[in-house]
Amino acid sequence: MKKVLFISNVLSHIEVFHQPYIEWFHQQGYTVHIMTNAGGKTVPFCEKLYDLGIERSPFNLHNIAVIKQAKRIIDEEKYDIVHCHTPMGGVVGRISSRTARKNGTKVIYTAHGFHFYKGAPMINWLLYYTMERILARMTDCVITINSEDYNRANDKFRNNNLQICKIDGIGVDISRFSKPTDEEKIDLKAKYGYSDKFLLIYAAEFIPRKNHIFFINALPELIKVCPNIRVLFAGKGIQMDEMQEIINQRGLSEYVCFLGFCHNMPELYKMSDVVISASIEEGFGINIIEGMASGLPTVASIVRGHKEMVKPNENGYLFDVNKPDQFCNAVRSLYSDSQIYSTLSDCALLTANHFSTEHSLEQMSAIYKKYIS
């Protein structure tokens, strides 16, 4: 019986991003197992789900026991392929598979955005770069999802036994999203109380690297050129209360809407006019693809993940987070010129197709087939 193992320290990572690949292996006649923090849940097309309690921190000593337990399971099950995800999933999976790899198991690691990147803190380079350089010797294939990571892996990690591949993102289910008609957009804005407003939407967790404060700081200048502007923040997080307090202190509560965690994102994107992001670090950017699949031009910060998707003057604009005037000018262009908006909107739809789950599955299955006997 052919077997494949998926490893991640977070079950939701498997559920959100890797279900199509699990189903693909099932269709190829493989038995699929998963190692993660399961919490008693089940996953479709998975025959065994090992709840190992993998800790996110590389300094947590509990992971030593996890590695020992994972090694015992991997040696006993004799997997054909072990596919690792998330940094600590990659650590546990690759160290635990050393003996199995000598016996023919193929070990794959998908880097969903290296923690060492241009501009990253020195501690990230000291810890994560060193760790990945060592673990590359225990890996048959490293898969990257953006050009910066691909080039760095080729430059720093390549050895005779390692293949380095790049796929276009991680696959977004764009079937849930579609471009509305003008009438649909008007009706949705009326439904949610935003008639005649120009809506910017940012779906992101309220954490420092998502950089919500950038939009708050830029808003006063933006209001001068787009007086009916509204910024929609969809998401929760540790900085949400702080951002709300800043908005209230500055008297901007009329212009910013905190929506919390939303289950109606397809409607919210249809209602909106531009998808935005000010993230200071991003391996990909699912929110941007979801927005593009709804026909929204993008205005996003210049980081590695965004540069894969946003082509300036084609489907959106990129800006330097240290130059808020670039952001304001980009939004003003979309606000004031309907022809530019229409052209970028049409191109955004085409871009979204390139990052769809179907396209990603084609790329991943081609990689998997290299290791299927």
Foldseek 3Di string as FASTA:
>chain_A
DAEEEEEDQDVVCCVAFPLVVLVVCVVVVYAYEYEYQQVPDDHPSHPYYHRQNQDQDPPDPSVVVSLVVLLVVCVVVLHQEYEAEHQSSLVSRLSSCQVSVVVHRAYEYEYLAQCDFVPHDPVSCVPRVVSVLVSLVSHQEYEAQFDRVQVVCVVRRDDPRYHYYYANHRADALVLAAADDPVLLQVLCVVVVLHPAAEEEEEDEPDPQQPPVLCVVLVVVLCVLRVRAAYEYAEYYDCPVVVVVVCVVVVNVVRYHYPYHDPPVNSVLNNHAAYETEGPEGSACNSLLNNLSRLHAYEYEDYGRVVSQHDPLQQFYYDHSVDSVRVSVRVSCCVPDVVSSNRNSVRSNVSSVSRHNVNRSVVVVVVVVVSDD
